[in-house]
C-alpha atoms as a PDB file:
ATOM      1  CA  UNK A   1      20.882  15.267  66.657  1.00  0.00           C
ATOM      2  CA  UNK A   2      21.583  12.178  69.066  1.00  0.00           C
ATOM      3  CA  UNK A   3      19.351   9.983  66.878  1.00  0.00           C
ATOM      4  CA  UNK A   4      21.185  11.073  63.802  1.00  0.00           C
ATOM      5  CA  UNK A   5      24.359  10.148  65.258  1.00  0.00           C
ATOM      6  CA  UNK A   6      23.037   6.802  66.380  1.00  0.00           C
ATOM      7  CA  UNK A   7      21.735   6.210  62.934  1.00  0.00           C
ATOM      8  CA  UNK A   8      25.038   7.160  61.328  1.00  0.00           C
ATOM      9  CA  UNK A   9      26.841   4.600  63.688  1.00  0.00           C
ATOM     10  CA  UNK A  10      24.395   1.934  62.799  1.00  0.00           C
ATOM     11  CA  UNK A  11      24.746   2.474  59.081  1.00  0.00           C
ATOM     12  CA  UNK A  12      28.725   2.458  59.598  1.00  0.00           C
ATOM     13  CA  UNK A  13      28.517  -0.833  61.717  1.00  0.00           C
ATOM     14  CA  UNK A  14      26.287  -2.320  58.959  1.00  0.00           C
ATOM     15  CA  UNK A  15      28.778  -1.347  56.139  1.00  0.00           C
ATOM     16  CA  UNK A  16      31.866  -2.628  58.312  1.00  0.00           C
ATOM     17  CA  UNK A  17      29.894  -5.976  58.911  1.00  0.00           C
ATOM     18  CA  UNK A  18      29.080  -6.411  55.121  1.00  0.00           C
ATOM     19  CA  UNK A  19      32.785  -5.569  54.352  1.00  0.00           C
ATOM     20  CA  UNK A  20      34.165  -8.061  56.801  1.00  0.00           C
ATOM     21  CA  UNK A  21      31.643 -10.612  55.470  1.00  0.00           C
ATOM     22  CA  UNK A  22      32.921 -10.047  51.880  1.00  0.00           C
ATOM     23  CA  UNK A  23      36.537 -10.150  52.828  1.00  0.00           C
ATOM     24  CA  UNK A  24      36.022 -13.397  54.573  1.00  0.00           C
ATOM     25  CA  UNK A  25      33.992 -14.948  51.843  1.00  0.00           C
ATOM     26  CA  UNK A  26      36.702 -14.089  49.254  1.00  0.00           C
ATOM     27  CA  UNK A  27      39.721 -14.804  51.573  1.00  0.00           C
ATOM     28  CA  UNK A  28      41.412 -17.024  49.297  1.00  0.00           C
ATOM     29  CA  UNK A  29      41.230 -14.733  46.403  1.00  0.00           C
ATOM     30  CA  UNK A  30      43.132 -12.099  48.434  1.00  0.00           C
ATOM     31  CA  UNK A  31      45.663 -14.804  49.529  1.00  0.00           C
ATOM     32  CA  UNK A  32      46.310 -15.538  45.899  1.00  0.00           C
ATOM     33  CA  UNK A  33      46.815 -11.811  45.387  1.00  0.00           C
ATOM     34  CA  UNK A  34      49.215 -11.368  48.215  1.00  0.00           C
ATOM     35  CA  UNK A  35      52.475 -12.472  46.528  1.00  0.00           C
ATOM     36  CA  UNK A  36      51.943 -10.003  43.703  1.00  0.00           C
ATOM     37  CA  UNK A  37      51.037  -7.163  46.105  1.00  0.00           C
ATOM     38  CA  UNK A  38      54.063  -7.918  48.187  1.00  0.00           C
ATOM     39  CA  UNK A  39      56.307  -8.087  45.069  1.00  0.00           C
ATOM     40  CA  UNK A  40      55.196  -4.497  44.061  1.00  0.00           C
ATOM     41  CA  UNK A  41      55.523  -3.103  47.344  1.00  0.00           C
ATOM     42  CA  UNK A  42      58.990  -4.606  48.042  1.00  0.00           C
ATOM     43  CA  UNK A  43      60.562  -4.316  44.521  1.00  0.00           C
ATOM     44  CA  UNK A  44      58.593  -1.267  42.942  1.00  0.00           C
ATOM     45  CA  UNK A  45      57.557   1.082  45.663  1.00  0.00           C
ATOM     46  CA  UNK A  46      60.047   0.770  48.499  1.00  0.00           C
ATOM     47  CA  UNK A  47      63.065   1.297  46.118  1.00  0.00           C
ATOM     48  CA  UNK A  48      61.535   4.635  45.127  1.00  0.00           C
ATOM     49  CA  UNK A  49      63.034   6.045  48.321  1.00  0.00           C
ATOM     50  CA  UNK A  50      66.354   5.501  46.486  1.00  0.00           C
ATOM     51  CA  UNK A  51      65.478   8.316  43.858  1.00  0.00           C
ATOM     52  CA  UNK A  52      66.713  10.815  46.659  1.00  0.00           C
ATOM     53  CA  UNK A  53      70.163  10.067  45.514  1.00  0.00           C
ATOM     54  CA  UNK A  54      69.615  11.659  42.058  1.00  0.00           C
ATOM     55  CA  UNK A  55      69.520  15.051  43.964  1.00  0.00           C
ATOM     56  CA  UNK A  56      72.526  14.214  46.024  1.00  0.00           C
ATOM     57  CA  UNK A  57      76.152  13.712  45.425  1.00  0.00           C
ATOM     58  CA  UNK A  58      75.796  10.334  46.880  1.00  0.00           C
ATOM     59  CA  UNK A  59      78.693   8.638  48.853  1.00  0.00           C
ATOM     60  CA  UNK A  60      77.978   5.115  50.036  1.00  0.00           C
ATOM     61  CA  UNK A  61      79.921   5.438  53.131  1.00  0.00           C
ATOM     62  CA  UNK A  62      77.849   8.630  54.218  1.00  0.00           C
ATOM     63  CA  UNK A  63      74.506   7.068  53.309  1.00  0.00           C
ATOM     64  CA  UNK A  64      71.414   8.887  51.987  1.00  0.00           C
ATOM     65  CA  UNK A  65      71.086  11.059  54.966  1.00  0.00           C
ATOM     66  CA  UNK A  66      74.696  12.140  54.997  1.00  0.00           C
ATOM     67  CA  UNK A  67      75.336  12.869  51.375  1.00  0.00           C
ATOM     68  CA  UNK A  68      75.443  16.432  50.013  1.00  0.00           C
ATOM     69  CA  UNK A  69      72.447  17.904  48.305  1.00  0.00           C
ATOM     70  CA  UNK A  70      73.389  19.161  44.737  1.00  0.00           C
ATOM     71  CA  UNK A  71      69.698  19.817  43.330  1.00  0.00           C
ATOM     72  CA  UNK A  72      69.324  19.434  39.668  1.00  0.00           C
ATOM     73  CA  UNK A  73      73.078  19.230  38.904  1.00  0.00           C
ATOM     74  CA  UNK A  74      73.050  15.594  37.713  1.00  0.00           C
ATOM     75  CA  UNK A  75      70.109  16.285  35.312  1.00  0.00           C
ATOM     76  CA  UNK A  76      71.927  19.259  33.906  1.00  0.00           C
ATOM     77  CA  UNK A  77      74.889  17.178  33.287  1.00  0.00           C
ATOM     78  CA  UNK A  78      72.785  14.582  31.528  1.00  0.00           C
ATOM     79  CA  UNK A  79      71.281  17.138  29.114  1.00  0.00           C
ATOM     80  CA  UNK A  80      74.642  18.628  28.415  1.00  0.00           C
ATOM     81  CA  UNK A  81      76.486  15.463  27.950  1.00  0.00           C
ATOM     82  CA  UNK A  82      78.041  15.336  24.478  1.00  0.00           C
ATOM     83  CA  UNK A  83      77.019  11.625  23.931  1.00  0.00           C
ATOM     84  CA  UNK A  84      73.581  12.075  25.474  1.00  0.00           C
ATOM     85  CA  UNK A  85      71.635  12.803  22.297  1.00  0.00           C
ATOM     86  CA  UNK A  86      73.386  10.131  20.393  1.00  0.00           C
ATOM     87  CA  UNK A  87      72.570   7.532  23.241  1.00  0.00           C
ATOM     88  CA  UNK A  88      68.957   8.894  23.284  1.00  0.00           C
ATOM     89  CA  UNK A  89      68.602   8.623  19.404  1.00  0.00           C
ATOM     90  CA  UNK A  90      69.943   5.047  19.456  1.00  0.00           C
ATOM     91  CA  UNK A  91      67.295   4.263  22.134  1.00  0.00           C
ATOM     92  CA  UNK A  92      64.625   5.813  20.117  1.00  0.00           C
ATOM     93  CA  UNK A  93      65.505   4.155  17.061  1.00  0.00           C
ATOM     94  CA  UNK A  94      65.371   0.758  18.525  1.00  0.00           C
ATOM     95  CA  UNK A  95      62.018   1.602  20.063  1.00  0.00           C
ATOM     96  CA  UNK A  96      60.615   2.818  16.749  1.00  0.00           C
ATOM     97  CA  UNK A  97      61.832  -0.491  15.092  1.00  0.00           C
ATOM     98  CA  UNK A  98      60.087  -2.419  17.874  1.00  0.00           C
ATOM     99  CA  UNK A  99      56.813  -0.674  17.361  1.00  0.00           C
ATOM    100  CA  UNK A 100      56.913  -0.784  13.453  1.00  0.00           C
ATOM    101  CA  UNK A 101      58.309  -4.292  12.962  1.00  0.00           C
ATOM    102  CA  UNK A 102      57.790  -6.185  16.232  1.00  0.00           C
ATOM    103  CA  UNK A 103      54.423  -4.974  17.408  1.00  0.00           C
ATOM    104  CA  UNK A 104      52.119  -6.032  14.597  1.00  0.00           C
ATOM    105  CA  UNK A 105      53.756  -9.549  14.302  1.00  0.00           C
ATOM    106  CA  UNK A 106      51.982 -11.115  17.235  1.00  0.00           C
ATOM    107  CA  UNK A 107      48.433  -9.855  15.864  1.00  0.00           C
ATOM    108  CA  UNK A 108      49.228 -11.214  12.428  1.00  0.00           C
ATOM    109  CA  UNK A 109      50.272 -14.497  13.934  1.00  0.00           C
ATOM    110  CA  UNK A 110      47.040 -14.580  16.068  1.00  0.00           C
ATOM    111  CA  UNK A 111      44.953 -13.829  13.200  1.00  0.00           C
ATOM    112  CA  UNK A 112      46.614 -16.653  10.898  1.00  0.00           C
ATOM    113  CA  UNK A 113      46.514 -19.174  13.664  1.00  0.00           C
ATOM    114  CA  UNK A 114      42.838 -18.487  14.510  1.00  0.00           C
ATOM    115  CA  UNK A 115      42.033 -19.506  10.682  1.00  0.00           C
ATOM    116  CA  UNK A 116      43.850 -22.664  11.043  1.00  0.00           C
ATOM    117  CA  UNK A 117      41.322 -25.568  11.499  1.00  0.00           C
ATOM    118  CA  UNK A 118      43.575 -28.453  12.338  1.00  0.00           C
ATOM    119  CA  UNK A 119      44.252 -28.574  16.001  1.00  0.00           C
ATOM    120  CA  UNK A 120      47.216 -30.661  15.974  1.00  0.00           C
ATOM    121  CA  UNK A 121      49.048 -28.318  13.488  1.00  0.00           C
ATOM    122  CA  UNK A 122      47.698 -25.145  15.259  1.00  0.00           C
ATOM    123  CA  UNK A 123      48.879 -26.441  18.709  1.00  0.00           C
ATOM    124  CA  UNK A 124      52.319 -27.526  17.600  1.00  0.00           C
ATOM    125  CA  UNK A 125      52.923 -24.472  15.709  1.00  0.00           C
ATOM    126  CA  UNK A 126      51.831 -22.320  18.672  1.00  0.00           C
ATOM    127  CA  UNK A 127      54.236 -24.240  20.952  1.00  0.00           C
ATOM    128  CA  UNK A 128      57.126 -23.728  18.617  1.00  0.00           C
ATOM    129  CA  UNK A 129      56.610 -20.121  18.246  1.00  0.00           C
ATOM    130  CA  UNK A 130      56.275 -19.215  21.879  1.00  0.00           C
ATOM    131  CA  UNK A 131      58.839 -21.619  23.198  1.00  0.00           C
ATOM    132  CA  UNK A 132      61.726 -19.187  22.615  1.00  0.00           C
ATOM    133  CA  UNK A 133      60.153 -16.859  25.134  1.00  0.00           C
ATOM    134  CA  UNK A 134      61.352 -19.216  27.882  1.00  0.00           C
ATOM    135  CA  UNK A 135      64.873 -18.920  26.761  1.00  0.00           C
ATOM    136  CA  UNK A 136      67.168 -16.219  28.259  1.00  0.00           C
ATOM    137  CA  UNK A 137      68.656 -13.626  26.066  1.00  0.00           C
ATOM    138  CA  UNK A 138      72.146 -15.350  26.739  1.00  0.00           C
ATOM    139  CA  UNK A 139      70.951 -18.352  24.940  1.00  0.00           C
ATOM    140  CA  UNK A 140      69.157 -16.334  22.016  1.00  0.00           C
ATOM    141  CA  UNK A 141      72.308 -14.248  21.475  1.00  0.00           C
ATOM    142  CA  UNK A 142      74.626 -17.382  21.722  1.00  0.00           C
ATOM    143  CA  UNK A 143      72.459 -19.175  18.954  1.00  0.00           C
ATOM    144  CA  UNK A 144      72.783 -16.117  16.873  1.00  0.00           C
ATOM    145  CA  UNK A 145      76.436 -15.988  17.433  1.00  0.00           C
ATOM    146  CA  UNK A 146      76.892 -19.439  16.174  1.00  0.00           C
ATOM    147  CA  UNK A 147      74.782 -18.928  13.040  1.00  0.00           C
ATOM    148  CA  UNK A 148      76.495 -15.543  12.247  1.00  0.00           C
ATOM    149  CA  UNK A 149      79.995 -15.760  12.988  1.00  0.00           C
ATOM    150  CA  UNK A 150      82.560 -15.679  10.306  1.00  0.00           C
ATOM    151  CA  UNK A 151      84.326 -18.785  11.520  1.00  0.00           C
ATOM    152  CA  UNK A 152      81.967 -21.671  10.554  1.00  0.00           C
ATOM    153  CA  UNK A 153      78.689 -19.619  10.854  1.00  0.00           C
ATOM    154  CA  UNK A 154      75.931 -21.135   8.744  1.00  0.00           C
ATOM    155  CA  UNK A 155      74.797 -17.871   7.326  1.00  0.00           C
ATOM    156  CA  UNK A 156      78.186 -16.981   6.075  1.00  0.00           C
ATOM    157  CA  UNK A 157      78.753 -20.543   4.828  1.00  0.00           C
ATOM    158  CA  UNK A 158      75.451 -20.207   2.692  1.00  0.00           C
ATOM    159  CA  UNK A 159      76.669 -16.767   1.347  1.00  0.00           C
ATOM    160  CA  UNK A 160      79.950 -18.311   0.216  1.00  0.00           C
ATOM    161  CA  UNK A 161      78.254 -21.256  -1.366  1.00  0.00           C
ATOM    162  CA  UNK A 162      76.222 -18.950  -3.625  1.00  0.00           C
ATOM    163  CA  UNK A 163      79.309 -16.958  -4.434  1.00  0.00           C
ATOM    164  CA  UNK A 164      78.974 -14.020  -2.187  1.00  0.00           C
ATOM    165  CA  UNK A 165      81.564 -12.692   0.420  1.00  0.00           C
ATOM    166  CA  UNK A 166      81.421 -13.341   4.160  1.00  0.00           C
ATOM    167  CA  UNK A 167      79.879 -10.505   6.065  1.00  0.00           C
ATOM    168  CA  UNK A 168      81.093  -9.622   9.728  1.00  0.00           C
ATOM    169  CA  UNK A 169      77.415  -9.352  11.069  1.00  0.00           C
ATOM    170  CA  UNK A 170      78.597  -9.356  14.815  1.00  0.00           C
ATOM    171  CA  UNK A 171      80.986  -6.520  14.407  1.00  0.00           C
ATOM    172  CA  UNK A 172      79.061  -4.417  11.962  1.00  0.00           C
ATOM    173  CA  UNK A 173      77.222  -1.214  13.182  1.00  0.00           C
ATOM    174  CA  UNK A 174      74.854  -1.524   9.929  1.00  0.00           C
ATOM    175  CA  UNK A 175      73.870  -5.145  10.924  1.00  0.00           C
ATOM    176  CA  UNK A 176      73.351  -4.368  14.597  1.00  0.00           C
ATOM    177  CA  UNK A 177      69.685  -3.008  14.458  1.00  0.00           C
ATOM    178  CA  UNK A 178      68.322  -5.760  11.944  1.00  0.00           C
ATOM    179  CA  UNK A 179      69.937  -8.318  14.295  1.00  0.00           C
ATOM    180  CA  UNK A 180      68.431  -6.859  17.265  1.00  0.00           C
ATOM    181  CA  UNK A 181      64.991  -6.695  16.033  1.00  0.00           C
ATOM    182  CA  UNK A 182      64.932 -10.163  14.531  1.00  0.00           C
ATOM    183  CA  UNK A 183      66.000 -11.543  17.814  1.00  0.00           C
ATOM    184  CA  UNK A 184      63.257  -9.607  19.620  1.00  0.00           C
ATOM    185  CA  UNK A 185      60.606 -11.021  17.000  1.00  0.00           C
ATOM    186  CA  UNK A 186      61.938 -14.591  17.433  1.00  0.00           C
ATOM    187  CA  UNK A 187      61.848 -14.651  21.169  1.00  0.00           C
ATOM    188  CA  UNK A 188      58.707 -12.382  21.933  1.00  0.00           C
ATOM    189  CA  UNK A 189      56.205 -12.735  19.001  1.00  0.00           C
ATOM    190  CA  UNK A 190      54.921 -16.070  20.143  1.00  0.00           C
ATOM    191  CA  UNK A 191      54.307 -15.084  23.634  1.00  0.00           C
ATOM    192  CA  UNK A 192      52.410 -11.862  22.410  1.00  0.00           C
ATOM    193  CA  UNK A 193      50.371 -14.074  20.173  1.00  0.00           C
ATOM    194  CA  UNK A 194      48.890 -15.931  23.119  1.00  0.00           C
ATOM    195  CA  UNK A 195      47.324 -12.591  24.471  1.00  0.00           C
ATOM    196  CA  UNK A 196      45.546 -11.979  21.171  1.00  0.00           C
ATOM    197  CA  UNK A 197      44.346 -15.622  20.796  1.00  0.00           C
ATOM    198  CA  UNK A 198      42.801 -15.520  24.123  1.00  0.00           C
ATOM    199  CA  UNK A 199      41.050 -12.177  23.075  1.00  0.00           C
ATOM    200  CA  UNK A 200      39.939 -13.797  19.808  1.00  0.00           C
ATOM    201  CA  UNK A 201      38.706 -16.732  21.611  1.00  0.00           C
ATOM    202  CA  UNK A 202      36.098 -14.509  23.528  1.00  0.00           C
ATOM    203  CA  UNK A 203      34.252 -13.313  20.388  1.00  0.00           C
ATOM    204  CA  UNK A 204      30.867 -14.696  19.789  1.00  0.00           C
ATOM    205  CA  UNK A 205      30.917 -17.328  16.983  1.00  0.00           C
ATOM    206  CA  UNK A 206      27.363 -16.070  16.070  1.00  0.00           C
ATOM    207  CA  UNK A 207      29.001 -13.002  14.509  1.00  0.00           C
ATOM    208  CA  UNK A 208      31.012 -15.130  12.103  1.00  0.00           C
ATOM    209  CA  UNK A 209      27.932 -17.201  11.194  1.00  0.00           C
ATOM    210  CA  UNK A 210      26.193 -14.085  10.420  1.00  0.00           C
ATOM    211  CA  UNK A 211      28.817 -12.700   8.352  1.00  0.00           C
ATOM    212  CA  UNK A 212      29.059 -15.857   6.425  1.00  0.00           C
ATOM    213  CA  UNK A 213      25.368 -15.792   5.693  1.00  0.00           C
ATOM    214  CA  UNK A 214      25.741 -12.295   4.318  1.00  0.00           C
ATOM    215  CA  UNK A 215      28.519 -13.564   1.936  1.00  0.00           C
ATOM    216  CA  UNK A 216      31.483 -12.134   3.655  1.00  0.00           C
ATOM    217  CA  UNK A 217      34.640 -14.108   3.071  1.00  0.00           C
ATOM    218  CA  UNK A 218      37.390 -14.728   5.653  1.00  0.00           C
ATOM    219  CA  UNK A 219      39.391 -11.437   4.982  1.00  0.00           C
ATOM    220  CA  UNK A 220      36.158  -9.445   5.579  1.00  0.00           C
ATOM    221  CA  UNK A 221      35.528 -11.272   8.668  1.00  0.00           C
ATOM    222  CA  UNK A 222      38.875 -10.573  10.065  1.00  0.00           C
ATOM    223  CA  UNK A 223      38.574  -6.968   8.929  1.00  0.00           C
ATOM    224  CA  UNK A 224      34.964  -6.281  10.244  1.00  0.00           C
ATOM    225  CA  UNK A 225      34.751  -8.745  13.248  1.00  0.00           C
ATOM    226  CA  UNK A 226      37.991  -9.915  14.562  1.00  0.00           C
ATOM    227  CA  UNK A 227      40.010  -6.711  14.534  1.00  0.00           C
ATOM    228  CA  UNK A 228      37.236  -4.471  15.872  1.00  0.00           C
ATOM    229  CA  UNK A 229      36.662  -7.074  18.700  1.00  0.00           C
ATOM    230  CA  UNK A 230      40.355  -7.099  19.765  1.00  0.00           C
ATOM    231  CA  UNK A 231      40.881  -3.424  19.286  1.00  0.00           C
ATOM    232  CA  UNK A 232      40.836  -2.576  22.936  1.00  0.00           C
ATOM    233  CA  UNK A 233      43.380  -5.262  23.839  1.00  0.00           C
ATOM    234  CA  UNK A 234      45.640  -3.881  20.887  1.00  0.00           C
ATOM    235  CA  UNK A 235      45.282  -0.422  22.394  1.00  0.00           C
ATOM    236  CA  UNK A 236      45.955  -1.512  25.907  1.00  0.00           C
ATOM    237  CA  UNK A 237      49.273  -3.320  25.035  1.00  0.00           C
ATOM    238  CA  UNK A 238      50.144  -0.267  22.643  1.00  0.00           C
ATOM    239  CA  UNK A 239      49.889   2.098  25.563  1.00  0.00           C
ATOM    240  CA  UNK A 240      52.050  -0.206  27.761  1.00  0.00           C
ATOM    241  CA  UNK A 241      54.592  -0.510  24.828  1.00  0.00           C
ATOM    242  CA  UNK A 242      54.883   3.240  24.324  1.00  0.00           C
ATOM    243  CA  UNK A 243      55.141   3.660  28.175  1.00  0.00           C
ATOM    244  CA  UNK A 244      58.426   1.531  27.882  1.00  0.00           C
ATOM    245  CA  UNK A 245      59.820   3.883  25.072  1.00  0.00           C
ATOM    246  CA  UNK A 246      63.369   4.091  26.815  1.00  0.00           C
ATOM    247  CA  UNK A 247      63.154   0.626  28.536  1.00  0.00           C
ATOM    248  CA  UNK A 248      64.477  -1.618  25.736  1.00  0.00           C
ATOM    249  CA  UNK A 249      66.160  -4.101  28.243  1.00  0.00           C
ATOM    250  CA  UNK A 250      69.710  -3.991  29.370  1.00  0.00           C
ATOM    251  CA  UNK A 251      70.754  -7.626  28.985  1.00  0.00           C
ATOM    252  CA  UNK A 252      69.842  -8.177  25.274  1.00  0.00           C
ATOM    253  CA  UNK A 253      71.539  -4.892  24.090  1.00  0.00           C
ATOM    254  CA  UNK A 254      74.599  -5.504  26.439  1.00  0.00           C
ATOM    255  CA  UNK A 255      75.179  -8.875  25.010  1.00  0.00           C
ATOM    256  CA  UNK A 256      75.167  -7.490  21.488  1.00  0.00           C
ATOM    257  CA  UNK A 257      77.292  -4.507  22.415  1.00  0.00           C
ATOM    258  CA  UNK A 258      81.092  -4.249  21.227  1.00  0.00           C
ATOM    259  CA  UNK A 259      83.564  -1.530  20.459  1.00  0.00           C
ATOM    260  CA  UNK A 260      82.775  -1.783  16.770  1.00  0.00           C
ATOM    261  CA  UNK A 261      79.026  -1.130  16.929  1.00  0.00           C
ATOM    262  CA  UNK A 262      78.926   1.129  20.134  1.00  0.00           C
ATOM    263  CA  UNK A 263      77.972   4.152  17.960  1.00  0.00           C
ATOM    264  CA  UNK A 264      74.653   2.687  17.229  1.00  0.00           C
ATOM    265  CA  UNK A 265      74.256   0.161  20.079  1.00  0.00           C
ATOM    266  CA  UNK A 266      74.925   2.156  23.181  1.00  0.00           C
ATOM    267  CA  UNK A 267      71.505   2.905  24.752  1.00  0.00           C
ATOM    268  CA  UNK A 268      70.204   4.535  28.075  1.00  0.00           C
ATOM    269  CA  UNK A 269      70.115   1.025  29.720  1.00  0.00           C
ATOM    270  CA  UNK A 270      73.795   0.211  28.934  1.00  0.00           C
ATOM    271  CA  UNK A 271      74.869   3.799  29.683  1.00  0.00           C
ATOM    272  CA  UNK A 272      73.382   3.600  33.150  1.00  0.00           C
ATOM    273  CA  UNK A 273      75.332   0.446  33.722  1.00  0.00           C
ATOM    274  CA  UNK A 274      78.588   1.929  32.600  1.00  0.00           C
ATOM    275  CA  UNK A 275      78.148   5.005  34.528  1.00  0.00           C
ATOM    276  CA  UNK A 276      76.488   3.634  37.723  1.00  0.00           C
ATOM    277  CA  UNK A 277      78.142   0.353  38.220  1.00  0.00           C
ATOM    278  CA  UNK A 278      81.492   0.530  36.372  1.00  0.00           C
ATOM    279  CA  UNK A 279      82.472   4.024  37.173  1.00  0.00           C
ATOM    280  CA  UNK A 280      80.537   4.349  40.532  1.00  0.00           C
ATOM    281  CA  UNK A 281      78.540   7.404  39.596  1.00  0.00           C
ATOM    282  CA  UNK A 282      75.329   6.343  41.486  1.00  0.00           C
ATOM    283  CA  UNK A 283      73.636   9.675  41.722  1.00  0.00           C
ATOM    284  CA  UNK A 284      74.146  10.296  38.062  1.00  0.00           C
ATOM    285  CA  UNK A 285      72.712   6.857  37.267  1.00  0.00           C
ATOM    286  CA  UNK A 286      69.761   7.281  39.430  1.00  0.00           C
ATOM    287  CA  UNK A 287      69.024  10.705  37.711  1.00  0.00           C
ATOM    288  CA  UNK A 288      69.074   9.027  34.390  1.00  0.00           C
ATOM    289  CA  UNK A 289      66.705   6.327  35.575  1.00  0.00           C
ATOM    290  CA  UNK A 290      64.248   8.960  37.040  1.00  0.00           C
ATOM    291  CA  UNK A 291      64.404  10.703  33.643  1.00  0.00           C
ATOM    292  CA  UNK A 292      63.453   7.443  31.989  1.00  0.00           C
ATOM    293  CA  UNK A 293      60.637   6.798  34.263  1.00  0.00           C
ATOM    294  CA  UNK A 294      59.228  10.384  33.989  1.00  0.00           C
ATOM    295  CA  UNK A 295      59.258  10.230  30.122  1.00  0.00           C
ATOM    296  CA  UNK A 296      57.453   6.705  30.452  1.00  0.00           C
ATOM    297  CA  UNK A 297      54.878   7.932  32.854  1.00  0.00           C
ATOM    298  CA  UNK A 298      54.192  11.110  30.591  1.00  0.00           C
ATOM    299  CA  UNK A 299      53.679   9.115  27.479  1.00  0.00           C
ATOM    300  CA  UNK A 300      51.348   6.392  29.267  1.00  0.00           C
ATOM    301  CA  UNK A 301      49.183   9.263  30.471  1.00  0.00           C
ATOM    302  CA  UNK A 302      49.120  10.966  27.185  1.00  0.00           C
ATOM    303  CA  UNK A 303      48.435   7.784  25.073  1.00  0.00           C
ATOM    304  CA  UNK A 304      45.815   6.727  27.521  1.00  0.00           C
ATOM    305  CA  UNK A 305      44.028  10.094  27.252  1.00  0.00           C
ATOM    306  CA  UNK A 306      44.119   9.778  23.495  1.00  0.00           C
ATOM    307  CA  UNK A 307      42.772   6.356  23.777  1.00  0.00           C
ATOM    308  CA  UNK A 308      39.870   7.462  25.990  1.00  0.00           C
ATOM    309  CA  UNK A 309      38.888  10.341  23.522  1.00  0.00           C
ATOM    310  CA  UNK A 310      38.775   7.524  20.812  1.00  0.00           C
ATOM    311  CA  UNK A 311      36.326   5.689  22.828  1.00  0.00           C
ATOM    312  CA  UNK A 312      38.569   2.998  24.209  1.00  0.00           C
ATOM    313  CA  UNK A 313      38.854   2.179  27.813  1.00  0.00           C
ATOM    314  CA  UNK A 314      42.714   2.631  28.223  1.00  0.00           C
ATOM    315  CA  UNK A 315      44.696   1.213  31.118  1.00  0.00           C
ATOM    316  CA  UNK A 316      43.070   3.291  33.835  1.00  0.00           C
END
């Protein structure tokens, strides 16, 4: 028995020595990982403690420990709120529009750019397309405002020139969703294209050479080689996109929101801002945030499971 214990300790010591050696050998890799790890710990995991207030009648002067527990009262209020299903439907409609109109655009752009042979044109176009990603939503919405306003806006000037009447795009509930999705495409499509171009660059060129020898044209090469090769990347990004089903971004929608389009523009993010910060209902807004996170988690797990059954790797 003593010999077994000595052997186990020797194996454990050897493993510990090997682990220490590997850690020291790759020390600079872990140093590079440290800022990212600290970011998630400080800004993602530690704030989870604050979710407690969604089950309390939180009072700032009493703190988390001194506030009264109310259980699921805020969740009951959320699901019985008269405007809740209108806000939820607005959020889901914008998400579906993102999925249908925006999600395929980076894939199409990447496939098109991959077929361009001129490096100068390719790099110039790629730079121009992903440059808007580095602009804030304030700039994007401001540029749109200048173009769409009825007082000197270039779009309305063109409409008048061709004999049409001016359209109040910015105050119209009918035009809010098209404007929103066009701005999303304008700002984000180029950045998403980079991811797919990187995936396409990893495809073995011999596959294309073999396809050309078999008489396959460019469209057949795209359909039978390029798309299957980047399918796993598309699936992963689709899972992450679906996980953010209720996370459309507060800033963008809030900048477009006004009293005339509120019936179609009010989403969960802006509602949380109104209820939580403007009205001081911290517990209620925390309950809404927890509801959003729970829905996102369930959808990520569900879609990831479906992806694995289809033979893809998924996100975990």
